Protein backbone atom coordinates (compact mmCIF):
# COMPACT_ATOMS: atom_id res chain seq x y z
CA MET A 1 -0.01 0.00 0.01
CA PRO A 2 1.46 3.44 -0.96
CA ASP A 3 2.26 6.11 1.66
CA LEU A 4 -0.61 8.59 1.43
CA THR A 5 0.76 11.00 4.04
CA LYS A 6 2.81 12.79 1.38
CA VAL A 7 -0.25 13.11 -0.84
CA ALA A 8 -2.29 14.38 2.09
CA ALA A 9 0.44 16.93 2.94
CA VAL A 10 0.45 18.20 -0.65
CA LEU A 11 -3.35 18.43 -0.68
CA GLU A 12 -3.32 20.32 2.64
CA ALA A 13 -0.68 22.70 1.36
CA ALA A 14 -2.73 23.33 -1.78
CA ALA A 15 -5.88 23.95 0.32
CA ASP A 16 -3.96 26.36 2.60
CA HIS A 17 -2.68 28.22 -0.46
CA LEU A 18 -6.18 28.47 -1.97
CA ASP A 19 -7.59 29.65 1.37
CA ALA A 20 -4.90 32.37 1.58
CA LEU A 21 -5.71 33.52 -1.95
CA GLU A 22 -9.44 33.64 -1.12
CA ARG A 23 -8.77 35.62 2.09
CA GLU A 24 -6.65 38.07 0.13
CA LYS A 25 -9.34 38.42 -2.52
CA VAL A 26 -12.07 39.04 0.09
CA SER A 27 -9.84 41.48 1.98
CA SER A 28 -9.06 43.39 -1.22
CA ALA A 29 -12.76 43.56 -2.17
CA ARG A 30 -13.64 44.71 1.34
CA ALA A 31 -11.00 47.45 1.18
CA VAL A 32 -12.33 48.67 -2.15
CA ARG A 33 -15.90 48.69 -0.81
CA THR A 34 -14.83 50.52 2.34
CA ALA A 35 -13.04 53.15 0.25
CA GLN A 36 -16.15 53.65 -1.89
CA ILE A 37 -18.39 53.97 1.18
CA ASP A 38 -15.92 56.44 2.73
CA MET A 39 -16.01 58.52 -0.45
CA VAL A 40 -19.83 58.51 -0.53
CA ALA A 41 -19.88 59.47 3.17
CA ALA A 42 -17.41 62.29 2.60
CA LYS A 43 -19.42 63.69 -0.31
CA TYR A 44 -22.62 63.38 1.72
CA ALA A 45 -21.00 65.29 4.62
CA GLU A 46 -19.71 67.90 2.20
CA ALA A 47 -23.12 68.41 0.64
CA THR A 48 -25.24 68.33 3.81
CA GLY A 49 -22.86 69.13 6.65
CA GLU A 50 -23.94 65.95 8.47
CA GLU A 51 -22.23 62.60 8.89
CA ILE A 52 -23.80 59.35 7.69
CA PRO A 53 -25.02 57.36 10.72
CA ASP A 54 -23.24 54.11 11.58
CA ASN A 55 -26.34 51.97 10.93
CA VAL A 56 -26.53 53.40 7.39
CA ARG A 57 -22.84 52.66 6.85
CA LYS A 58 -23.44 49.05 7.93
CA LYS A 59 -26.35 48.74 5.47
CA LEU A 60 -24.17 50.18 2.73
CA ALA A 61 -21.45 47.63 3.56
CA GLU A 62 -24.02 44.86 3.08
CA SER A 63 -25.44 46.31 -0.13
CA PRO A 64 -24.66 44.89 -3.59
CA GLN A 65 -21.74 46.39 -5.46
CA ASP A 66 -23.97 48.00 -8.10
CA VAL A 67 -25.84 49.95 -5.39
CA ILE A 68 -22.56 51.28 -4.00
CA ALA A 69 -21.38 52.21 -7.53
CA PHE A 70 -24.68 53.99 -8.21
CA LEU A 71 -24.46 55.98 -4.97
CA GLN A 72 -20.84 56.79 -5.69
CA GLY A 73 -21.75 58.12 -9.13
CA MET A 74 -24.59 60.20 -7.71
CA ALA A 75 -22.35 61.61 -4.99
CA GLU A 76 -19.70 62.59 -7.52
CA LYS A 77 -22.26 64.32 -9.73
CA GLN A 78 -24.30 66.05 -7.02
CA ALA A 79 -21.62 66.99 -4.51
CA GLY A 80 -18.90 67.95 -6.91
CA ALA A 81 -16.87 71.10 -6.87
CA VAL A 82 -18.87 74.31 -6.64
CA GLU A 83 -18.70 76.34 -9.82
CA SER A 84 -17.85 79.99 -9.61
CA LEU A 85 -20.79 82.34 -10.04
CA GLY A 86 -18.71 85.22 -11.34
CA GLY A 87 -15.41 86.97 -11.20
CA PRO A 88 -14.11 89.47 -8.68
CA SER A 89 -15.73 92.89 -8.65
CA SER A 90 -13.93 95.92 -9.93
CA ARG A 91 -14.00 99.35 -8.31
CA ASN A 92 -13.82 100.97 -11.71
CA ASP A 93 -17.03 100.45 -13.66
CA ASP A 94 -15.64 102.16 -16.74
CA PRO A 95 -14.68 99.74 -19.49
CA ALA A 96 -11.03 99.70 -20.41
CA PRO A 97 -10.26 101.77 -23.53
CA LYS A 98 -9.48 99.77 -26.61
CA THR A 99 -7.54 102.42 -28.53
CA VAL A 100 -5.24 105.32 -27.72
CA LYS A 101 -7.97 107.73 -28.89
CA GLU A 102 -10.48 106.23 -26.42
CA ALA A 103 -7.88 106.42 -23.62
CA ALA A 104 -7.19 110.10 -24.39
CA ALA A 105 -10.90 110.93 -24.47
CA ALA A 106 -11.47 109.11 -21.17
CA ALA A 107 -8.57 111.02 -19.55
CA ASP A 108 -10.00 114.32 -20.79
CA ASP A 109 -13.44 113.43 -19.40
CA ARG A 110 -12.00 112.48 -15.99
CA PHE A 111 -9.99 115.73 -15.87
CA LEU A 112 -13.03 117.86 -16.81
CA ASN A 113 -15.17 116.07 -14.21
CA TRP A 114 -12.50 116.70 -11.57
CA VAL A 115 -12.24 120.42 -12.47
CA MET A 116 -16.02 120.88 -12.53
CA SER A 117 -16.58 119.23 -9.19
């Protein structure tokens, strides 16, 4: 009868290796999911000024990947960077002259207004 202890040792080593690969895969997937949930939570806090409650975070952690991806997309679209509503104001409301003639006329007008006032 052949010695099956060596075969059993090889099978156990293979099973241990496969278990390690599976743990690494699960850990990696969990890290990606946690990062996505953290990003959604950060965008939610940025948009509302409130933190996501822990029970909601737990539900998000148990949600399917497509739900998390959908929420992440919505958060990126809705809580993105605020667009500027205009430029800085200017104290001088007069438009800048485009030609030397316009600049000379504007200077004359300012001088006459100063003398008259």
